[in-house]
């Protein structure tokens, strides 16, 4: 059962979401599943991530920061728009650095 007063942090949300992404796929889990995993209500997750897209993007960013290659590979294989945006930025920055 969900606890209404349980304290969670954005890091706890991303950790739980990352576990779900490993099992189900990067954009194949819902806010309710993360809430259930943490034992809180969906509103607690909504407080930090008002859209599922923001939560999914945060998982990808955390995976890149933490060198979590399984999640990164999933995002690349699924042509995730965030990966495309990051790749374009890296290309631009690299080319600008060559000037």
PDB file of N, CA and C in Angstrom:
ATOM      1  N   UNK A   1       0.840  -1.177   0.000  1.00  0.00           N
ATOM      2  CA  UNK A   1       0.000   0.000   0.000  1.00  0.00           C
ATOM      3  C   UNK A   1       0.889   1.246   0.000  1.00  0.00           C
ATOM      4  N   UNK A   2       0.467   2.250  -0.716  1.00  0.00           N
ATOM      5  CA  UNK A   2       1.230   3.483  -0.833  1.00  0.00           C
ATOM      6  C   UNK A   2       1.161   4.294   0.457  1.00  0.00           C
ATOM      7  N   UNK A   3       2.311   4.855   0.809  1.00  0.00           N
ATOM      8  CA  UNK A   3       2.380   5.729   1.976  1.00  0.00           C
ATOM      9  C   UNK A   3       2.270   7.169   1.504  1.00  0.00           C
ATOM     10  N   UNK A   4       1.408   7.935   2.146  1.00  0.00           N
ATOM     11  CA  UNK A   4       1.210   9.324   1.748  1.00  0.00           C
ATOM     12  C   UNK A   4       2.296  10.244   2.283  1.00  0.00           C
ATOM     13  N   UNK A   5       2.905   9.905   3.394  1.00  0.00           N
ATOM     14  CA  UNK A   5       3.886  10.779   4.012  1.00  0.00           C
ATOM     15  C   UNK A   5       5.319  10.301   3.813  1.00  0.00           C
ATOM     16  N   UNK A   6       5.530   9.277   3.037  1.00  0.00           N
ATOM     17  CA  UNK A   6       6.872   8.749   2.824  1.00  0.00           C
ATOM     18  C   UNK A   6       7.699   9.763   2.028  1.00  0.00           C
ATOM     19  N   UNK A   7       8.904  10.012   2.476  1.00  0.00           N
ATOM     20  CA  UNK A   7       9.788  10.961   1.805  1.00  0.00           C
ATOM     21  C   UNK A   7      10.594  10.241   0.727  1.00  0.00           C
ATOM     22  N   UNK A   8      10.565  10.810  -0.460  1.00  0.00           N
ATOM     23  CA  UNK A   8      11.391  10.288  -1.543  1.00  0.00           C
ATOM     24  C   UNK A   8      12.188  11.449  -2.133  1.00  0.00           C
ATOM     25  N   UNK A   9      13.194  11.108  -2.904  1.00  0.00           N
ATOM     26  CA  UNK A   9      14.026  12.112  -3.568  1.00  0.00           C
ATOM     27  C   UNK A   9      14.020  11.832  -5.069  1.00  0.00           C
ATOM     28  N   UNK A  10      14.416  12.816  -5.864  1.00  0.00           N
ATOM     29  CA  UNK A  10      14.514  12.571  -7.308  1.00  0.00           C
ATOM     30  C   UNK A  10      15.448  11.394  -7.625  1.00  0.00           C
ATOM     31  N   UNK A  11      16.531  11.264  -6.860  1.00  0.00           N
ATOM     32  CA  UNK A  11      17.458  10.156  -7.092  1.00  0.00           C
ATOM     33  C   UNK A  11      16.785   8.807  -6.849  1.00  0.00           C
ATOM     34  N   UNK A  12      15.954   8.719  -5.832  1.00  0.00           N
ATOM     35  CA  UNK A  12      15.218   7.479  -5.574  1.00  0.00           C
ATOM     36  C   UNK A  12      14.288   7.151  -6.741  1.00  0.00           C
ATOM     37  N   UNK A  13      13.654   8.182  -7.285  1.00  0.00           N
ATOM     38  CA  UNK A  13      12.752   7.982  -8.429  1.00  0.00           C
ATOM     39  C   UNK A  13      13.542   7.462  -9.621  1.00  0.00           C
ATOM     40  N   UNK A  14      14.673   8.097  -9.916  1.00  0.00           N
ATOM     41  CA  UNK A  14      15.476   7.686 -11.071  1.00  0.00           C
ATOM     42  C   UNK A  14      16.041   6.288 -10.875  1.00  0.00           C
ATOM     43  N   UNK A  15      16.466   5.952  -9.679  1.00  0.00           N
ATOM     44  CA  UNK A  15      16.967   4.597  -9.417  1.00  0.00           C
ATOM     45  C   UNK A  15      15.883   3.553  -9.671  1.00  0.00           C
ATOM     46  N   UNK A  16      14.682   3.811  -9.162  1.00  0.00           N
ATOM     47  CA  UNK A  16      13.574   2.873  -9.370  1.00  0.00           C
ATOM     48  C   UNK A  16      13.200   2.807 -10.852  1.00  0.00           C
ATOM     49  N   UNK A  17      13.166   3.954 -11.506  1.00  0.00           N
ATOM     50  CA  UNK A  17      12.824   3.991 -12.929  1.00  0.00           C
ATOM     51  C   UNK A  17      13.885   3.284 -13.766  1.00  0.00           C
ATOM     52  N   UNK A  18      15.143   3.415 -13.378  1.00  0.00           N
ATOM     53  CA  UNK A  18      16.227   2.730 -14.097  1.00  0.00           C
ATOM     54  C   UNK A  18      16.067   1.219 -13.997  1.00  0.00           C
ATOM     55  N   UNK A  19      15.716   0.732 -12.816  1.00  0.00           N
ATOM     56  CA  UNK A  19      15.486  -0.707 -12.661  1.00  0.00           C
ATOM     57  C   UNK A  19      14.362  -1.181 -13.582  1.00  0.00           C
ATOM     58  N   UNK A  20      13.297  -0.396 -13.661  1.00  0.00           N
ATOM     59  CA  UNK A  20      12.192  -0.755 -14.554  1.00  0.00           C
ATOM     60  C   UNK A  20      12.620  -0.695 -16.010  1.00  0.00           C
ATOM     61  N   UNK A  21      13.418   0.312 -16.364  1.00  0.00           N
ATOM     62  CA  UNK A  21      13.893   0.440 -17.744  1.00  0.00           C
ATOM     63  C   UNK A  21      14.750  -0.751 -18.134  1.00  0.00           C
ATOM     64  N   UNK A  22      15.556  -1.237 -17.200  1.00  0.00           N
ATOM     65  CA  UNK A  22      16.390  -2.412 -17.482  1.00  0.00           C
ATOM     66  C   UNK A  22      15.536  -3.631 -17.801  1.00  0.00           C
ATOM     67  N   UNK A  23      14.417  -3.762 -17.118  1.00  0.00           N
ATOM     68  CA  UNK A  23      13.562  -4.932 -17.293  1.00  0.00           C
ATOM     69  C   UNK A  23      12.590  -4.789 -18.459  1.00  0.00           C
ATOM     70  N   UNK A  24      12.022  -3.573 -18.636  1.00  0.00           N
ATOM     71  CA  UNK A  24      10.923  -3.392 -19.586  1.00  0.00           C
ATOM     72  C   UNK A  24      11.288  -2.612 -20.844  1.00  0.00           C
ATOM     73  N   UNK A  25      12.344  -1.814 -20.771  1.00  0.00           N
ATOM     74  CA  UNK A  25      12.694  -0.947 -21.887  1.00  0.00           C
ATOM     75  C   UNK A  25      12.625   0.510 -21.443  1.00  0.00           C
ATOM     76  N   UNK A  26      13.408   1.342 -22.094  1.00  0.00           N
ATOM     77  CA  UNK A  26      13.597   2.710 -21.638  1.00  0.00           C
ATOM     78  C   UNK A  26      12.317   3.528 -21.617  1.00  0.00           C
ATOM     79  N   UNK A  27      11.454   3.391 -22.548  1.00  0.00           N
ATOM     80  CA  UNK A  27      10.213   4.180 -22.555  1.00  0.00           C
ATOM     81  C   UNK A  27       8.983   3.273 -22.439  1.00  0.00           C
ATOM     82  N   UNK A  28       9.167   2.167 -21.747  1.00  0.00           N
ATOM     83  CA  UNK A  28       8.081   1.189 -21.652  1.00  0.00           C
ATOM     84  C   UNK A  28       7.614   0.935 -20.223  1.00  0.00           C
ATOM     85  N   UNK A  29       7.732   1.952 -19.390  1.00  0.00           N
ATOM     86  CA  UNK A  29       7.215   1.837 -18.031  1.00  0.00           C
ATOM     87  C   UNK A  29       6.461   3.117 -17.688  1.00  0.00           C
ATOM     88  N   UNK A  30       5.589   3.013 -16.720  1.00  0.00           N
ATOM     89  CA  UNK A  30       4.708   4.127 -16.366  1.00  0.00           C
ATOM     90  C   UNK A  30       5.053   4.701 -14.991  1.00  0.00           C
ATOM     91  N   UNK A  31       4.597   5.908 -14.768  1.00  0.00           N
ATOM     92  CA  UNK A  31       4.795   6.579 -13.475  1.00  0.00           C
ATOM     93  C   UNK A  31       4.223   5.718 -12.346  1.00  0.00           C
ATOM     94  N   UNK A  32       3.072   5.110 -12.582  1.00  0.00           N
ATOM     95  CA  UNK A  32       2.428   4.287 -11.549  1.00  0.00           C
ATOM     96  C   UNK A  32       3.314   3.119 -11.140  1.00  0.00           C
ATOM     97  N   UNK A  33       4.052   2.556 -12.097  1.00  0.00           N
ATOM     98  CA  UNK A  33       4.952   1.440 -11.772  1.00  0.00           C
ATOM     99  C   UNK A  33       6.113   1.905 -10.889  1.00  0.00           C
ATOM    100  N   UNK A  34       6.614   3.093 -11.163  1.00  0.00           N
ATOM    101  CA  UNK A  34       7.693   3.648 -10.334  1.00  0.00           C
ATOM    102  C   UNK A  34       7.163   3.918  -8.932  1.00  0.00           C
ATOM    103  N   UNK A  35       5.968   4.505  -8.853  1.00  0.00           N
ATOM    104  CA  UNK A  35       5.353   4.787  -7.555  1.00  0.00           C
ATOM    105  C   UNK A  35       5.156   3.505  -6.758  1.00  0.00           C
ATOM    106  N   UNK A  36       4.666   2.469  -7.422  1.00  0.00           N
ATOM    107  CA  UNK A  36       4.449   1.192  -6.746  1.00  0.00           C
ATOM    108  C   UNK A  36       5.767   0.629  -6.224  1.00  0.00           C
ATOM    109  N   UNK A  37       6.805   0.706  -7.035  1.00  0.00           N
ATOM    110  CA  UNK A  37       8.122   0.198  -6.646  1.00  0.00           C
ATOM    111  C   UNK A  37       8.649   0.923  -5.405  1.00  0.00           C
ATOM    112  N   UNK A  38       8.354   2.221  -5.303  1.00  0.00           N
ATOM    113  CA  UNK A  38       8.815   3.013  -4.161  1.00  0.00           C
ATOM    114  C   UNK A  38       7.834   3.008  -2.989  1.00  0.00           C
ATOM    115  N   UNK A  39       6.642   2.474  -3.208  1.00  0.00           N
ATOM    116  CA  UNK A  39       5.639   2.425  -2.146  1.00  0.00           C
ATOM    117  C   UNK A  39       5.020   3.783  -1.850  1.00  0.00           C
ATOM    118  N   UNK A  40       4.884   4.609  -2.894  1.00  0.00           N
ATOM    119  CA  UNK A  40       4.292   5.939  -2.734  1.00  0.00           C
ATOM    120  C   UNK A  40       3.162   6.107  -3.744  1.00  0.00           C
ATOM    121  N   UNK A  41       2.496   7.238  -3.665  1.00  0.00           N
ATOM    122  CA  UNK A  41       1.434   7.525  -4.630  1.00  0.00           C
ATOM    123  C   UNK A  41       2.043   8.105  -5.906  1.00  0.00           C
ATOM    124  N   UNK A  42       1.264   8.068  -6.972  1.00  0.00           N
ATOM    125  CA  UNK A  42       1.722   8.654  -8.233  1.00  0.00           C
ATOM    126  C   UNK A  42       1.999  10.137  -8.107  1.00  0.00           C
ATOM    127  N   UNK A  43       1.287  10.809  -7.211  1.00  0.00           N
ATOM    128  CA  UNK A  43       1.501  12.237  -7.002  1.00  0.00           C
ATOM    129  C   UNK A  43       2.897  12.549  -6.499  1.00  0.00           C
ATOM    130  N   UNK A  44       3.472  11.652  -5.722  1.00  0.00           N
ATOM    131  CA  UNK A  44       4.837  11.853  -5.226  1.00  0.00           C
ATOM    132  C   UNK A  44       5.835  11.851  -6.381  1.00  0.00           C
ATOM    133  N   UNK A  45       5.592  11.013  -7.371  1.00  0.00           N
ATOM    134  CA  UNK A  45       6.457  10.962  -8.555  1.00  0.00           C
ATOM    135  C   UNK A  45       6.196  12.198  -9.410  1.00  0.00           C
ATOM    136  N   UNK A  46       4.947  12.551  -9.554  1.00  0.00           N
ATOM    137  CA  UNK A  46       4.539  13.717 -10.345  1.00  0.00           C
ATOM    138  C   UNK A  46       5.202  14.997  -9.827  1.00  0.00           C
ATOM    139  N   UNK A  47       5.396  15.090  -8.527  1.00  0.00           N
ATOM    140  CA  UNK A  47       6.007  16.267  -7.921  1.00  0.00           C
ATOM    141  C   UNK A  47       7.381  16.547  -8.549  1.00  0.00           C
ATOM    142  N   UNK A  48       8.163  15.511  -8.785  1.00  0.00           N
ATOM    143  CA  UNK A  48       9.495  15.677  -9.371  1.00  0.00           C
ATOM    144  C   UNK A  48       9.489  15.598 -10.891  1.00  0.00           C
ATOM    145  N   UNK A  49       8.610  14.773 -11.435  1.00  0.00           N
ATOM    146  CA  UNK A  49       8.552  14.553 -12.882  1.00  0.00           C
ATOM    147  C   UNK A  49       7.098  14.652 -13.338  1.00  0.00           C
ATOM    148  N   UNK A  50       6.651  15.877 -13.697  1.00  0.00           N
ATOM    149  CA  UNK A  50       5.239  16.073 -14.050  1.00  0.00           C
ATOM    150  C   UNK A  50       4.805  15.352 -15.326  1.00  0.00           C
ATOM    151  N   UNK A  51       5.763  14.959 -16.156  1.00  0.00           N
ATOM    152  CA  UNK A  51       5.413  14.141 -17.321  1.00  0.00           C
ATOM    153  C   UNK A  51       6.285  12.892 -17.325  1.00  0.00           C
ATOM    154  N   UNK A  52       5.755  11.849 -17.904  1.00  0.00           N
ATOM    155  CA  UNK A  52       6.521  10.607 -18.014  1.00  0.00           C
ATOM    156  C   UNK A  52       7.751  10.830 -18.904  1.00  0.00           C
ATOM    157  N   UNK A  53       7.606  11.670 -19.933  1.00  0.00           N
ATOM    158  CA  UNK A  53       8.740  11.971 -20.809  1.00  0.00           C
ATOM    159  C   UNK A  53       9.896  12.572 -20.017  1.00  0.00           C
ATOM    160  N   UNK A  54       9.608  13.496 -19.117  1.00  0.00           N
ATOM    161  CA  UNK A  54      10.673  14.082 -18.294  1.00  0.00           C
ATOM    162  C   UNK A  54      11.364  13.020 -17.442  1.00  0.00           C
ATOM    163  N   UNK A  55      10.587  12.093 -16.915  1.00  0.00           N
ATOM    164  CA  UNK A  55      11.171  11.025 -16.104  1.00  0.00           C
ATOM    165  C   UNK A  55      12.031  10.114 -16.973  1.00  0.00           C
ATOM    166  N   UNK A  56      11.526   9.741 -18.138  1.00  0.00           N
ATOM    167  CA  UNK A  56      12.302   8.892 -19.045  1.00  0.00           C
ATOM    168  C   UNK A  56      13.595   9.591 -19.463  1.00  0.00           C
ATOM    169  N   UNK A  57      13.499  10.880 -19.797  1.00  0.00           N
ATOM    170  CA  UNK A  57      14.694  11.638 -20.181  1.00  0.00           C
ATOM    171  C   UNK A  57      15.703  11.691 -19.034  1.00  0.00           C
ATOM    172  N   UNK A  58      15.215  11.842 -17.812  1.00  0.00           N
ATOM    173  CA  UNK A  58      16.109  11.870 -16.644  1.00  0.00           C
ATOM    174  C   UNK A  58      16.830  10.542 -16.470  1.00  0.00           C
ATOM    175  N   UNK A  59      16.146   9.442 -16.774  1.00  0.00           N
ATOM    176  CA  UNK A  59      16.776   8.115 -16.709  1.00  0.00           C
ATOM    177  C   UNK A  59      17.904   8.031 -17.739  1.00  0.00           C
ATOM    178  N   UNK A  60      17.662   8.517 -18.937  1.00  0.00           N
ATOM    179  CA  UNK A  60      18.697   8.472 -19.977  1.00  0.00           C
ATOM    180  C   UNK A  60      19.881   9.350 -19.587  1.00  0.00           C
ATOM    181  N   UNK A  61      19.605  10.554 -19.097  1.00  0.00           N
ATOM    182  CA  UNK A  61      20.702  11.447 -18.673  1.00  0.00           C
ATOM    183  C   UNK A  61      21.521  10.816 -17.549  1.00  0.00           C
ATOM    184  N   UNK A  62      20.847  10.193 -16.596  1.00  0.00           N
ATOM    185  CA  UNK A  62      21.551   9.527 -15.497  1.00  0.00           C
ATOM    186  C   UNK A  62      22.377   8.357 -16.022  1.00  0.00           C
ATOM    187  N   UNK A  63      21.835   7.638 -16.979  1.00  0.00           N
ATOM    188  CA  UNK A  63      22.570   6.511 -17.568  1.00  0.00           C
ATOM    189  C   UNK A  63      23.848   6.996 -18.248  1.00  0.00           C
ATOM    190  N   UNK A  64      23.768   8.127 -18.928  1.00  0.00           N
ATOM    191  CA  UNK A  64      24.951   8.679 -19.589  1.00  0.00           C
ATOM    192  C   UNK A  64      25.972   9.113 -18.536  1.00  0.00           C
ATOM    193  N   UNK A  65      25.517   9.825 -17.514  1.00  0.00           N
ATOM    194  CA  UNK A  65      26.420  10.287 -16.449  1.00  0.00           C
ATOM    195  C   UNK A  65      27.103   9.117 -15.752  1.00  0.00           C
ATOM    196  N   UNK A  66      26.354   8.047 -15.542  1.00  0.00           N
ATOM    197  CA  UNK A  66      26.850   6.904 -14.767  1.00  0.00           C
ATOM    198  C   UNK A  66      27.404   5.772 -15.634  1.00  0.00           C
ATOM    199  N   UNK A  67      27.527   6.026 -16.926  1.00  0.00           N
ATOM    200  CA  UNK A  67      28.070   5.026 -17.860  1.00  0.00           C
ATOM    201  C   UNK A  67      27.283   3.712 -17.789  1.00  0.00           C
ATOM    202  N   UNK A  68      25.975   3.828 -17.757  1.00  0.00           N
ATOM    203  CA  UNK A  68      25.091   2.657 -17.710  1.00  0.00           C
ATOM    204  C   UNK A  68      24.787   2.268 -19.155  1.00  0.00           C
ATOM    205  N   UNK A  69      25.667   1.478 -19.719  1.00  0.00           N
ATOM    206  CA  UNK A  69      25.631   1.213 -21.150  1.00  0.00           C
ATOM    207  C   UNK A  69      24.408   0.429 -21.610  1.00  0.00           C
ATOM    208  N   UNK A  70      23.822  -0.377 -20.742  1.00  0.00           N
ATOM    209  CA  UNK A  70      22.618  -1.116 -21.127  1.00  0.00           C
ATOM    210  C   UNK A  70      21.460  -0.185 -21.464  1.00  0.00           C
ATOM    211  N   UNK A  71      21.254   0.826 -20.625  1.00  0.00           N
ATOM    212  CA  UNK A  71      20.177   1.801 -20.859  1.00  0.00           C
ATOM    213  C   UNK A  71      20.506   2.646 -22.088  1.00  0.00           C
ATOM    214  N   UNK A  72      21.758   3.074 -22.203  1.00  0.00           N
ATOM    215  CA  UNK A  72      22.166   3.887 -23.355  1.00  0.00           C
ATOM    216  C   UNK A  72      21.960   3.099 -24.646  1.00  0.00           C
ATOM    217  N   UNK A  73      22.345   1.842 -24.645  1.00  0.00           N
ATOM    218  CA  UNK A  73      22.182   1.001 -25.840  1.00  0.00           C
ATOM    219  C   UNK A  73      20.708   0.859 -26.211  1.00  0.00           C
ATOM    220  N   UNK A  74      19.845   0.699 -25.211  1.00  0.00           N
ATOM    221  CA  UNK A  74      18.401   0.622 -25.485  1.00  0.00           C
ATOM    222  C   UNK A  74      17.916   1.902 -26.154  1.00  0.00           C
ATOM    223  N   UNK A  75      18.341   3.032 -25.606  1.00  0.00           N
ATOM    224  CA  UNK A  75      17.897   4.319 -26.149  1.00  0.00           C
ATOM    225  C   UNK A  75      18.381   4.501 -27.578  1.00  0.00           C
ATOM    226  N   UNK A  76      19.611   4.104 -27.847  1.00  0.00           N
ATOM    227  CA  UNK A  76      20.146   4.209 -29.208  1.00  0.00           C
ATOM    228  C   UNK A  76      19.384   3.280 -30.144  1.00  0.00           C
ATOM    229  N   UNK A  77      19.169   2.048 -29.710  1.00  0.00           N
ATOM    230  CA  UNK A  77      18.466   1.065 -30.544  1.00  0.00           C
ATOM    231  C   UNK A  77      17.035   1.504 -30.863  1.00  0.00           C
ATOM    232  N   UNK A  78      16.427   2.248 -29.946  1.00  0.00           N
ATOM    233  CA  UNK A  78      15.048   2.698 -30.145  1.00  0.00           C
ATOM    234  C   UNK A  78      14.989   4.078 -30.803  1.00  0.00           C
ATOM    235  N   UNK A  79      16.139   4.578 -31.266  1.00  0.00           N
ATOM    236  CA  UNK A  79      16.197   5.912 -31.886  1.00  0.00           C
ATOM    237  C   UNK A  79      15.528   6.957 -31.007  1.00  0.00           C
ATOM    238  N   UNK A  80      15.855   6.929 -29.739  1.00  0.00           N
ATOM    239  CA  UNK A  80      15.250   7.848 -28.785  1.00  0.00           C
ATOM    240  C   UNK A  80      15.565   9.293 -29.167  1.00  0.00           C
ATOM    241  N   UNK A  81      14.567  10.169 -29.170  1.00  0.00           N
ATOM    242  CA  UNK A  81      14.785  11.564 -29.571  1.00  0.00           C
ATOM    243  C   UNK A  81      15.809  12.293 -28.697  1.00  0.00           C
ATOM    244  N   UNK A  82      15.884  11.963 -27.418  1.00  0.00           N
ATOM    245  CA  UNK A  82      16.858  12.628 -26.557  1.00  0.00           C
ATOM    246  C   UNK A  82      18.277  12.256 -26.969  1.00  0.00           C
ATOM    247  N   UNK A  83      18.495  11.003 -27.319  1.00  0.00           N
ATOM    248  CA  UNK A  83      19.824  10.569 -27.776  1.00  0.00           C
ATOM    249  C   UNK A  83      20.189  11.304 -29.053  1.00  0.00           C
ATOM    250  N   UNK A  84      19.219  11.458 -29.944  1.00  0.00           N
ATOM    251  CA  UNK A  84      19.468  12.195 -31.187  1.00  0.00           C
ATOM    252  C   UNK A  84      19.849  13.642 -30.892  1.00  0.00           C
ATOM    253  N   UNK A  85      19.149  14.261 -29.950  1.00  0.00           N
ATOM    254  CA  UNK A  85      19.426  15.656 -29.592  1.00  0.00           C
ATOM    255  C   UNK A  85      20.829  15.783 -28.977  1.00  0.00           C
ATOM    256  N   UNK A  86      21.178  14.860 -28.088  1.00  0.00           N
ATOM    257  CA  UNK A  86      22.502  14.888 -27.454  1.00  0.00           C
ATOM    258  C   UNK A  86      23.589  14.660 -28.497  1.00  0.00           C
ATOM    259  N   UNK A  87      23.366  13.714 -29.408  1.00  0.00           N
ATOM    260  CA  UNK A  87      24.344  13.437 -30.462  1.00  0.00           C
ATOM    261  C   UNK A  87      24.574  14.658 -31.342  1.00  0.00           C
ATOM    262  N   UNK A  88      23.492  15.340 -31.698  1.00  0.00           N
ATOM    263  CA  UNK A  88      23.609  16.544 -32.529  1.00  0.00           C
ATOM    264  C   UNK A  88      24.399  17.626 -31.798  1.00  0.00           C
ATOM    265  N   UNK A  89      24.143  17.794 -30.519  1.00  0.00           N
ATOM    266  CA  UNK A  89      24.866  18.790 -29.721  1.00  0.00           C
ATOM    267  C   UNK A  89      26.349  18.445 -29.642  1.00  0.00           C
ATOM    268  N   UNK A  90      26.665  17.173 -29.424  1.00  0.00           N
ATOM    269  CA  UNK A  90      28.064  16.751 -29.360  1.00  0.00           C
ATOM    270  C   UNK A  90      28.780  16.989 -30.689  1.00  0.00           C
ATOM    271  N   UNK A  91      28.092  16.673 -31.796  1.00  0.00           N
ATOM    272  CA  UNK A  91      28.685  16.904 -33.122  1.00  0.00           C
ATOM    273  C   UNK A  91      28.974  18.380 -33.328  1.00  0.00           C
ATOM    274  N   UNK A  92      27.993  19.223 -33.008  1.00  0.00           N
ATOM    275  CA  UNK A  92      28.152  20.674 -33.160  1.00  0.00           C
ATOM    276  C   UNK A  92      29.291  21.187 -32.309  1.00  0.00           C
ATOM    277  N   UNK A  93      29.336  20.780 -31.042  1.00  0.00           N
ATOM    278  CA  UNK A  93      30.392  21.232 -30.135  1.00  0.00           C
ATOM    279  C   UNK A  93      31.763  20.763 -30.634  1.00  0.00           C
ATOM    280  N   UNK A  94      31.827  19.533 -31.099  1.00  0.00           N
ATOM    281  CA  UNK A  94      33.107  18.999 -31.583  1.00  0.00           C
ATOM    282  C   UNK A  94      33.578  19.757 -32.819  1.00  0.00           C
ATOM    283  N   UNK A  95      32.657  20.023 -33.732  1.00  0.00           N
ATOM    284  CA  UNK A  95      33.033  20.764 -34.939  1.00  0.00           C
ATOM    285  C   UNK A  95      33.417  22.203 -34.627  1.00  0.00           C
ATOM    286  N   UNK A  96      32.734  22.830 -33.707  1.00  0.00           N
ATOM    287  CA  UNK A  96      33.075  24.193 -33.296  1.00  0.00           C
ATOM    288  C   UNK A  96      34.433  24.239 -32.600  1.00  0.00           C
ATOM    289  N   UNK A  97      34.755  23.164 -31.895  1.00  0.00           N
ATOM    290  CA  UNK A  97      36.049  23.083 -31.219  1.00  0.00           C
ATOM    291  C   UNK A  97      37.211  22.932 -32.185  1.00  0.00           C
ATOM    292  N   UNK A  98      36.928  22.463 -33.395  1.00  0.00           N
ATOM    293  CA  UNK A  98      37.971  22.273 -34.404  1.00  0.00           C
ATOM    294  C   UNK A  98      38.319  23.572 -35.135  1.00  0.00           C
ATOM    295  N   UNK A  99      37.488  24.580 -34.993  1.00  0.00           N
ATOM    296  CA  UNK A  99      37.702  25.841 -35.710  1.00  0.00           C
ATOM    297  C   UNK A  99      38.776  26.667 -35.074  1.00  0.00           C
TER     298      UNK A  99
END
